[in-house]
Amino acid sequence: MSERNTRPQPRTLPWLAAGQSFPPLQDAWGPADPAPGLLAAGETLDVPTLIRAYSQGIFPWFSQGQPVLWWSPDPRMVLQTQQFRLHRSLRKTLTRFISDKNCEVRFDSAFENVIKACATAPRAGPPGTWIVPGMQQAYTELHQAGKAHSVETWIDGELAGGLYCVNLGGMVFGESMFAHRTDASKIALAALVAFCRASGITMIDCQQNTGHLASLGAAEISRADFAIHLGQNVGKPPPAWQFDLLYWNLLLPAARPEP
């Protein structure tokens, strides 16, 4: 038998029509495939499709000019909210931020500004962004439906940094963050962790592994374990997205400073 005939045949990527069900998670491409974690492609990116996707552990990620690509990686990067690492420098920054009357955390006061800032934030790797205009529009509509939220760091009346995320029941799915001032995105993440602790949310989905997230306490778990946690929590009542200064007490005293 020739070497050519022994090579694995390329897998066909399913194409989703509007309203069609997603394939099972285990059908996602594996380590031997060109794009591990890739599950399907399509052209529909609306609120019902996004809700169905996230409720099953699937998220969109694609570049301009590509179809909508749907992913479910294995392993999955998550931040257990009790494992958040509050490094000594960030602890000092938070202490100053909380005590400054010109600094505050807001939820959902400038969602469109946050997602636009995330789209233009500088990142490592090739130029461009996956938060393309169609993605911005889709998540803005998801925000208007009450399923996507922004966590914002305001300093001296200006939006200094923040992040946006998706919330379904007792699950929070982190999407992207930006900072116009030093540590402004980390402050927003710390606020989200404090809010999640206050709301009984134990895990924030981070989707994919990065060194930055790992330094803050995020770690990989298997897709199977993630799916189990998702199934146990996505049907719970969602929290009220309001930030209370008392939430900081759930983070600062409990966290051990890291070197």
C-alpha atoms as a PDB file:
ATOM      1  CA  MET A   1       0.000   0.000   0.000  1.00  0.00           C
ATOM      2  CA  SER A   2       1.420   3.386  -0.960  1.00  0.00           C
ATOM      3  CA  GLU A   3       2.132   6.146   1.568  1.00  0.00           C
ATOM      4  CA  ARG A   4      -0.409   8.329  -0.180  1.00  0.00           C
ATOM      5  CA  ASN A   5      -3.219   5.867   0.493  1.00  0.00           C
ATOM      6  CA  THR A   6      -2.346   5.519   4.191  1.00  0.00           C
ATOM      7  CA  ARG A   7      -2.714   9.203   4.962  1.00  0.00           C
ATOM      8  CA  PRO A   8      -5.945  10.152   6.785  1.00  0.00           C
ATOM      9  CA  GLN A   9      -8.561  11.693   4.551  1.00  0.00           C
ATOM     10  CA  PRO A  10      -9.453  15.338   5.236  1.00  0.00           C
ATOM     11  CA  ARG A  11     -12.653  15.748   7.248  1.00  0.00           C
ATOM     12  CA  THR A  12     -15.588  17.657   5.867  1.00  0.00           C
ATOM     13  CA  LEU A  13     -16.757  20.578   7.973  1.00  0.00           C
ATOM     14  CA  PRO A  14     -20.548  20.593   8.470  1.00  0.00           C
ATOM     15  CA  TRP A  15     -22.378  23.611   7.061  1.00  0.00           C
ATOM     16  CA  LEU A  16     -25.262  24.851   9.217  1.00  0.00           C
ATOM     17  CA  ALA A  17     -28.387  26.230   7.635  1.00  0.00           C
ATOM     18  CA  ALA A  18     -30.417  28.788   9.600  1.00  0.00           C
ATOM     19  CA  GLY A  19     -32.053  27.093  12.587  1.00  0.00           C
ATOM     20  CA  GLN A  20     -30.229  23.803  12.088  1.00  0.00           C
ATOM     21  CA  SER A  21     -28.971  21.971  15.173  1.00  0.00           C
ATOM     22  CA  PHE A  22     -25.273  21.989  15.996  1.00  0.00           C
ATOM     23  CA  PRO A  23     -23.334  18.728  15.666  1.00  0.00           C
ATOM     24  CA  PRO A  24     -22.370  16.926  18.902  1.00  0.00           C
ATOM     25  CA  LEU A  25     -19.341  18.430  20.625  1.00  0.00           C
ATOM     26  CA  GLN A  26     -17.332  15.255  20.126  1.00  0.00           C
ATOM     27  CA  ASP A  27     -17.569  15.830  16.354  1.00  0.00           C
ATOM     28  CA  ALA A  28     -15.290  18.865  16.620  1.00  0.00           C
ATOM     29  CA  TRP A  29     -11.959  18.556  14.851  1.00  0.00           C
ATOM     30  CA  GLY A  30      -9.229  16.953  16.939  1.00  0.00           C
ATOM     31  CA  PRO A  31      -5.476  17.441  17.343  1.00  0.00           C
ATOM     32  CA  ALA A  32      -4.694  15.774  14.005  1.00  0.00           C
ATOM     33  CA  ASP A  33      -6.998  18.104  12.068  1.00  0.00           C
ATOM     34  CA  PRO A  34      -6.036  21.522  10.642  1.00  0.00           C
ATOM     35  CA  ALA A  35      -8.040  23.486  13.251  1.00  0.00           C
ATOM     36  CA  PRO A  36      -8.590  21.559  16.511  1.00  0.00           C
ATOM     37  CA  GLY A  37     -11.874  22.471  18.155  1.00  0.00           C
ATOM     38  CA  LEU A  38     -13.591  23.599  14.949  1.00  0.00           C
ATOM     39  CA  LEU A  39     -17.115  22.169  14.879  1.00  0.00           C
ATOM     40  CA  ALA A  40     -19.100  23.715  12.037  1.00  0.00           C
ATOM     41  CA  ALA A  41     -19.481  26.658   9.677  1.00  0.00           C
ATOM     42  CA  GLY A  42     -22.481  28.648   8.520  1.00  0.00           C
ATOM     43  CA  GLU A  43     -23.717  32.121   7.769  1.00  0.00           C
ATOM     44  CA  THR A  44     -26.245  32.763  10.566  1.00  0.00           C
ATOM     45  CA  LEU A  45     -25.150  34.842  13.550  1.00  0.00           C
ATOM     46  CA  ASP A  46     -28.276  36.011  15.307  1.00  0.00           C
ATOM     47  CA  VAL A  47     -29.502  36.037  18.912  1.00  0.00           C
ATOM     48  CA  PRO A  48     -31.317  32.659  18.874  1.00  0.00           C
ATOM     49  CA  THR A  49     -28.304  30.954  17.266  1.00  0.00           C
ATOM     50  CA  LEU A  50     -25.869  32.502  19.745  1.00  0.00           C
ATOM     51  CA  ILE A  51     -28.006  31.425  22.694  1.00  0.00           C
ATOM     52  CA  ARG A  52     -28.268  27.868  21.357  1.00  0.00           C
ATOM     53  CA  ALA A  53     -24.525  27.778  20.767  1.00  0.00           C
ATOM     54  CA  TYR A  54     -23.426  29.048  24.166  1.00  0.00           C
ATOM     55  CA  SER A  55     -25.926  26.847  25.976  1.00  0.00           C
ATOM     56  CA  GLN A  56     -24.151  23.858  24.379  1.00  0.00           C
ATOM     57  CA  GLY A  57     -20.566  25.024  24.937  1.00  0.00           C
ATOM     58  CA  ILE A  58     -20.014  26.406  21.423  1.00  0.00           C
ATOM     59  CA  PHE A  59     -18.841  29.882  20.405  1.00  0.00           C
ATOM     60  CA  PRO A  60     -18.172  31.753  17.130  1.00  0.00           C
ATOM     61  CA  TRP A  61     -14.695  32.849  16.107  1.00  0.00           C
ATOM     62  CA  PHE A  62     -13.785  33.942  12.586  1.00  0.00           C
ATOM     63  CA  SER A  63     -12.057  36.659  10.608  1.00  0.00           C
ATOM     64  CA  GLN A  64     -13.348  39.131   8.042  1.00  0.00           C
ATOM     65  CA  GLY A  65     -14.224  37.374   4.795  1.00  0.00           C
ATOM     66  CA  GLN A  66     -14.721  33.965   6.432  1.00  0.00           C
ATOM     67  CA  PRO A  67     -18.037  32.253   7.105  1.00  0.00           C
ATOM     68  CA  VAL A  68     -19.228  32.055  10.707  1.00  0.00           C
ATOM     69  CA  LEU A  69     -17.006  29.389  12.277  1.00  0.00           C
ATOM     70  CA  TRP A  70     -18.223  27.583  15.400  1.00  0.00           C
ATOM     71  CA  TRP A  71     -15.799  26.142  17.953  1.00  0.00           C
ATOM     72  CA  SER A  72     -15.749  23.846  20.969  1.00  0.00           C
ATOM     73  CA  PRO A  73     -12.110  23.253  21.956  1.00  0.00           C
ATOM     74  CA  ASP A  74     -10.833  20.404  24.092  1.00  0.00           C
ATOM     75  CA  PRO A  75      -9.426  21.174  26.608  1.00  0.00           C
ATOM     76  CA  ARG A  76     -11.325  24.291  27.652  1.00  0.00           C
ATOM     77  CA  MET A  77      -9.753  27.242  29.450  1.00  0.00           C
ATOM     78  CA  VAL A  78     -11.797  28.344  32.474  1.00  0.00           C
ATOM     79  CA  LEU A  79     -11.335  30.557  35.503  1.00  0.00           C
ATOM     80  CA  GLN A  80     -12.694  29.051  38.703  1.00  0.00           C
ATOM     81  CA  THR A  81     -13.755  32.193  40.542  1.00  0.00           C
ATOM     82  CA  GLN A  82     -12.235  30.986  43.823  1.00  0.00           C
ATOM     83  CA  GLN A  83      -8.904  30.423  42.043  1.00  0.00           C
ATOM     84  CA  PHE A  84      -8.525  34.001  40.817  1.00  0.00           C
ATOM     85  CA  ARG A  85      -4.988  35.178  41.548  1.00  0.00           C
ATOM     86  CA  LEU A  86      -4.877  38.654  42.988  1.00  0.00           C
ATOM     87  CA  HIS A  87      -1.216  39.531  42.577  1.00  0.00           C
ATOM     88  CA  ARG A  88       0.295  41.980  45.037  1.00  0.00           C
ATOM     89  CA  SER A  89       0.573  44.773  42.466  1.00  0.00           C
ATOM     90  CA  LEU A  90      -3.050  44.381  41.399  1.00  0.00           C
ATOM     91  CA  ARG A  91      -4.164  44.292  45.034  1.00  0.00           C
ATOM     92  CA  LYS A  92      -2.486  47.672  45.562  1.00  0.00           C
ATOM     93  CA  THR A  93      -4.046  49.027  42.375  1.00  0.00           C
ATOM     94  CA  LEU A  94      -7.496  47.854  43.441  1.00  0.00           C
ATOM     95  CA  THR A  95      -7.102  49.366  46.902  1.00  0.00           C
ATOM     96  CA  ARG A  96      -6.290  52.759  45.362  1.00  0.00           C
ATOM     97  CA  PHE A  97      -9.068  52.412  42.806  1.00  0.00           C
ATOM     98  CA  ILE A  98     -11.739  51.566  45.381  1.00  0.00           C
ATOM     99  CA  SER A  99     -10.757  54.460  47.653  1.00  0.00           C
ATOM    100  CA  ASP A 100     -10.739  57.044  44.851  1.00  0.00           C
ATOM    101  CA  LYS A 101     -14.106  58.785  44.428  1.00  0.00           C
ATOM    102  CA  ASN A 102     -13.226  59.478  40.780  1.00  0.00           C
ATOM    103  CA  CYS A 103     -12.974  55.753  40.002  1.00  0.00           C
ATOM    104  CA  GLU A 104     -15.856  53.335  39.610  1.00  0.00           C
ATOM    105  CA  VAL A 105     -16.999  50.077  38.048  1.00  0.00           C
ATOM    106  CA  ARG A 106     -20.114  50.192  35.900  1.00  0.00           C
ATOM    107  CA  PHE A 107     -22.098  47.451  34.221  1.00  0.00           C
ATOM    108  CA  ASP A 108     -23.712  47.900  30.806  1.00  0.00           C
ATOM    109  CA  SER A 109     -23.448  51.689  30.596  1.00  0.00           C
ATOM    110  CA  ALA A 110     -21.388  51.682  27.390  1.00  0.00           C
ATOM    111  CA  PHE A 111     -21.593  48.201  25.873  1.00  0.00           C
ATOM    112  CA  GLU A 112     -21.094  49.296  22.266  1.00  0.00           C
ATOM    113  CA  ASN A 113     -18.069  51.404  23.198  1.00  0.00           C
ATOM    114  CA  VAL A 114     -16.565  48.458  25.058  1.00  0.00           C
ATOM    115  CA  ILE A 115     -16.940  45.972  22.216  1.00  0.00           C
ATOM    116  CA  LYS A 116     -15.561  48.493  19.716  1.00  0.00           C
ATOM    117  CA  ALA A 117     -12.572  49.141  21.969  1.00  0.00           C
ATOM    118  CA  CYS A 118     -12.000  45.394  22.295  1.00  0.00           C
ATOM    119  CA  ALA A 119     -12.059  45.088  18.501  1.00  0.00           C
ATOM    120  CA  THR A 120      -9.296  47.666  18.102  1.00  0.00           C
ATOM    121  CA  ALA A 121      -7.172  46.658  21.097  1.00  0.00           C
ATOM    122  CA  PRO A 122      -3.599  45.688  20.155  1.00  0.00           C
ATOM    123  CA  ARG A 123      -2.878  41.959  20.362  1.00  0.00           C
ATOM    124  CA  ALA A 124      -0.020  39.604  19.747  1.00  0.00           C
ATOM    125  CA  GLY A 125       0.029  37.766  16.416  1.00  0.00           C
ATOM    126  CA  PRO A 126      -1.058  38.813  12.923  1.00  0.00           C
ATOM    127  CA  PRO A 127      -2.890  42.110  12.425  1.00  0.00           C
ATOM    128  CA  GLY A 128      -6.662  42.217  12.322  1.00  0.00           C
ATOM    129  CA  THR A 129      -9.418  41.221  14.701  1.00  0.00           C
ATOM    130  CA  TRP A 130     -11.951  38.452  15.088  1.00  0.00           C
ATOM    131  CA  ILE A 131     -14.429  41.024  16.494  1.00  0.00           C
ATOM    132  CA  VAL A 132     -15.485  41.968  12.981  1.00  0.00           C
ATOM    133  CA  PRO A 133     -18.407  44.372  12.345  1.00  0.00           C
ATOM    134  CA  GLY A 134     -20.873  41.479  11.999  1.00  0.00           C
ATOM    135  CA  MET A 135     -19.703  40.095  15.341  1.00  0.00           C
ATOM    136  CA  GLN A 136     -20.071  43.495  16.993  1.00  0.00           C
ATOM    137  CA  GLN A 137     -23.610  43.823  15.670  1.00  0.00           C
ATOM    138  CA  ALA A 138     -24.580  40.314  16.781  1.00  0.00           C
ATOM    139  CA  TYR A 139     -23.308  40.777  20.350  1.00  0.00           C
ATOM    140  CA  THR A 140     -24.885  44.221  20.585  1.00  0.00           C
ATOM    141  CA  GLU A 141     -28.197  42.579  19.751  1.00  0.00           C
ATOM    142  CA  LEU A 142     -27.429  39.871  22.315  1.00  0.00           C
ATOM    143  CA  HIS A 143     -26.798  42.656  24.840  1.00  0.00           C
ATOM    144  CA  GLN A 144     -30.124  44.244  23.964  1.00  0.00           C
ATOM    145  CA  ALA A 145     -31.715  40.835  24.619  1.00  0.00           C
ATOM    146  CA  GLY A 146     -30.175  40.863  28.116  1.00  0.00           C
ATOM    147  CA  LYS A 147     -27.685  38.045  27.467  1.00  0.00           C
ATOM    148  CA  ALA A 148     -24.437  39.972  26.924  1.00  0.00           C
ATOM    149  CA  HIS A 149     -22.947  42.459  29.364  1.00  0.00           C
ATOM    150  CA  SER A 150     -20.074  44.888  29.719  1.00  0.00           C
ATOM    151  CA  VAL A 151     -17.963  45.390  32.828  1.00  0.00           C
ATOM    152  CA  GLU A 152     -16.423  48.842  32.665  1.00  0.00           C
ATOM    153  CA  THR A 153     -13.586  50.603  34.493  1.00  0.00           C
ATOM    154  CA  TRP A 154     -14.216  54.347  34.695  1.00  0.00           C
ATOM    155  CA  ILE A 155     -11.496  56.774  35.821  1.00  0.00           C
ATOM    156  CA  ASP A 156     -12.032  60.544  35.994  1.00  0.00           C
ATOM    157  CA  GLY A 157     -15.253  60.216  34.022  1.00  0.00           C
ATOM    158  CA  GLU A 158     -13.616  58.327  31.147  1.00  0.00           C
ATOM    159  CA  LEU A 159     -13.925  54.712  30.043  1.00  0.00           C
ATOM    160  CA  ALA A 160     -10.442  53.443  30.864  1.00  0.00           C
ATOM    161  CA  GLY A 161     -10.896  49.731  30.218  1.00  0.00           C
ATOM    162  CA  GLY A 162     -13.307  46.860  30.429  1.00  0.00           C
ATOM    163  CA  LEU A 163     -14.566  43.595  29.067  1.00  0.00           C
ATOM    164  CA  TYR A 164     -17.698  42.051  27.664  1.00  0.00           C
ATOM    165  CA  CYS A 165     -19.164  38.645  28.357  1.00  0.00           C
ATOM    166  CA  VAL A 166     -22.186  36.424  27.803  1.00  0.00           C
ATOM    167  CA  ASN A 167     -24.418  35.267  30.659  1.00  0.00           C
ATOM    168  CA  LEU A 168     -26.841  32.366  30.461  1.00  0.00           C
ATOM    169  CA  GLY A 169     -28.283  31.327  33.813  1.00  0.00           C
ATOM    170  CA  GLY A 170     -25.432  30.541  36.181  1.00  0.00           C
ATOM    171  CA  MET A 171     -22.792  30.561  33.435  1.00  0.00           C
ATOM    172  CA  VAL A 172     -20.577  33.476  32.413  1.00  0.00           C
ATOM    173  CA  PHE A 173     -18.581  33.291  29.189  1.00  0.00           C
ATOM    174  CA  GLY A 174     -15.753  35.810  28.929  1.00  0.00           C
ATOM    175  CA  GLU A 175     -15.203  37.239  25.468  1.00  0.00           C
ATOM    176  CA  SER A 176     -12.629  40.026  25.249  1.00  0.00           C
ATOM    177  CA  MET A 177     -11.121  42.919  27.193  1.00  0.00           C
ATOM    178  CA  PHE A 178      -9.249  46.154  26.573  1.00  0.00           C
ATOM    179  CA  ALA A 179      -7.336  48.780  28.541  1.00  0.00           C
ATOM    180  CA  HIS A 180      -6.614  52.418  27.784  1.00  0.00           C
ATOM    181  CA  ARG A 181      -4.902  52.765  31.174  1.00  0.00           C
ATOM    182  CA  THR A 182      -2.594  50.403  33.030  1.00  0.00           C
ATOM    183  CA  ASP A 183      -4.451  47.524  34.703  1.00  0.00           C
ATOM    184  CA  ALA A 184      -7.891  48.882  33.722  1.00  0.00           C
ATOM    185  CA  SER A 185      -8.895  45.573  32.121  1.00  0.00           C
ATOM    186  CA  LYS A 186      -7.615  43.624  35.148  1.00  0.00           C
ATOM    187  CA  ILE A 187      -9.741  45.805  37.419  1.00  0.00           C
ATOM    188  CA  ALA A 188     -12.770  44.945  35.281  1.00  0.00           C
ATOM    189  CA  LEU A 189     -11.954  41.245  35.476  1.00  0.00           C
ATOM    190  CA  ALA A 190     -11.521  41.471  39.255  1.00  0.00           C
ATOM    191  CA  ALA A 191     -14.914  43.178  39.474  1.00  0.00           C
ATOM    192  CA  LEU A 192     -16.459  40.399  37.391  1.00  0.00           C
ATOM    193  CA  VAL A 193     -14.925  37.764  39.674  1.00  0.00           C
ATOM    194  CA  ALA A 194     -16.248  39.574  42.768  1.00  0.00           C
ATOM    195  CA  PHE A 195     -19.703  39.838  41.174  1.00  0.00           C
ATOM    196  CA  CYS A 196     -19.679  36.145  40.241  1.00  0.00           C
ATOM    197  CA  ARG A 197     -18.739  35.151  43.772  1.00  0.00           C
ATOM    198  CA  ALA A 198     -21.579  37.275  45.139  1.00  0.00           C
ATOM    199  CA  SER A 199     -23.958  35.673  42.620  1.00  0.00           C
ATOM    200  CA  GLY A 200     -22.903  32.059  43.287  1.00  0.00           C
ATOM    201  CA  ILE A 201     -21.246  31.687  39.875  1.00  0.00           C
ATOM    202  CA  THR A 202     -18.210  29.457  40.282  1.00  0.00           C
ATOM    203  CA  MET A 203     -16.734  29.405  36.775  1.00  0.00           C
ATOM    204  CA  ILE A 204     -15.992  31.918  34.026  1.00  0.00           C
ATOM    205  CA  ASP A 205     -15.418  30.375  30.608  1.00  0.00           C
ATOM    206  CA  CYS A 206     -12.256  31.744  28.994  1.00  0.00           C
ATOM    207  CA  GLN A 207     -12.490  29.527  25.880  1.00  0.00           C
ATOM    208  CA  GLN A 208      -8.814  29.274  24.903  1.00  0.00           C
ATOM    209  CA  ASN A 209      -5.517  29.137  26.746  1.00  0.00           C
ATOM    210  CA  THR A 210      -3.386  32.283  26.992  1.00  0.00           C
ATOM    211  CA  GLY A 211      -0.470  33.036  29.255  1.00  0.00           C
ATOM    212  CA  HIS A 212      -2.207  36.174  30.521  1.00  0.00           C
ATOM    213  CA  LEU A 213      -5.268  34.243  31.677  1.00  0.00           C
ATOM    214  CA  ALA A 214      -3.122  31.509  33.210  1.00  0.00           C
ATOM    215  CA  SER A 215      -1.241  34.129  35.241  1.00  0.00           C
ATOM    216  CA  LEU A 216      -4.571  35.203  36.743  1.00  0.00           C
ATOM    217  CA  GLY A 217      -5.528  31.687  37.795  1.00  0.00           C
ATOM    218  CA  ALA A 218      -7.304  30.275  34.749  1.00  0.00           C
ATOM    219  CA  ALA A 219      -6.600  26.642  33.850  1.00  0.00           C
ATOM    220  CA  GLU A 220      -7.673  24.025  31.334  1.00  0.00           C
ATOM    221  CA  ILE A 221     -10.300  21.372  31.982  1.00  0.00           C
ATOM    222  CA  SER A 222     -11.601  18.704  29.646  1.00  0.00           C
ATOM    223  CA  ARG A 223     -14.439  19.555  27.296  1.00  0.00           C
ATOM    224  CA  ALA A 224     -16.445  16.742  28.909  1.00  0.00           C
ATOM    225  CA  ASP A 225     -16.064  18.280  32.374  1.00  0.00           C
ATOM    226  CA  PHE A 226     -16.938  21.697  30.993  1.00  0.00           C
ATOM    227  CA  ALA A 227     -20.077  20.298  29.373  1.00  0.00           C
ATOM    228  CA  ILE A 228     -21.134  18.728  32.675  1.00  0.00           C
ATOM    229  CA  HIS A 229     -20.691  22.017  34.542  1.00  0.00           C
ATOM    230  CA  LEU A 230     -22.523  23.855  31.770  1.00  0.00           C
ATOM    231  CA  GLY A 231     -25.467  21.474  31.929  1.00  0.00           C
ATOM    232  CA  GLN A 232     -25.715  21.909  35.695  1.00  0.00           C
ATOM    233  CA  ASN A 233     -25.695  25.703  35.618  1.00  0.00           C
ATOM    234  CA  VAL A 234     -27.006  27.139  32.363  1.00  0.00           C
ATOM    235  CA  GLY A 235     -30.637  26.620  33.394  1.00  0.00           C
ATOM    236  CA  LYS A 236     -30.347  28.509  36.685  1.00  0.00           C
ATOM    237  CA  PRO A 237     -31.896  31.971  37.133  1.00  0.00           C
ATOM    238  CA  PRO A 238     -29.471  34.655  35.905  1.00  0.00           C
ATOM    239  CA  PRO A 239     -28.136  37.257  38.350  1.00  0.00           C
ATOM    240  CA  ALA A 240     -29.152  40.924  38.323  1.00  0.00           C
ATOM    241  CA  TRP A 241     -26.315  42.738  36.578  1.00  0.00           C
ATOM    242  CA  GLN A 242     -25.660  45.478  39.103  1.00  0.00           C
ATOM    243  CA  PHE A 243     -22.360  46.076  40.860  1.00  0.00           C
ATOM    244  CA  ASP A 244     -22.273  46.822  44.584  1.00  0.00           C
ATOM    245  CA  LEU A 245     -19.142  48.119  46.310  1.00  0.00           C
ATOM    246  CA  LEU A 246     -19.693  45.467  48.991  1.00  0.00           C
ATOM    247  CA  TYR A 247     -18.732  42.844  46.388  1.00  0.00           C
ATOM    248  CA  TRP A 248     -15.095  43.897  46.755  1.00  0.00           C
ATOM    249  CA  ASN A 249     -15.181  42.447  50.276  1.00  0.00           C
ATOM    250  CA  LEU A 250     -15.681  38.999  48.735  1.00  0.00           C
ATOM    251  CA  LEU A 251     -12.453  39.353  46.796  1.00  0.00           C
ATOM    252  CA  LEU A 252      -9.874  41.374  48.655  1.00  0.00           C
ATOM    253  CA  PRO A 253      -9.893  39.722  52.109  1.00  0.00           C
ATOM    254  CA  ALA A 254     -10.115  36.193  50.682  1.00  0.00           C
ATOM    255  CA  ALA A 255      -7.377  36.456  48.084  1.00  0.00           C
ATOM    256  CA  ARG A 256      -3.754  35.776  48.904  1.00  0.00           C
ATOM    257  CA  PRO A 257      -1.310  38.166  47.229  1.00  0.00           C
ATOM    258  CA  GLU A 258       1.010  36.515  44.744  1.00  0.00           C
ATOM    259  CA  PRO A 259       4.615  37.560  44.086  1.00  0.00           C
END
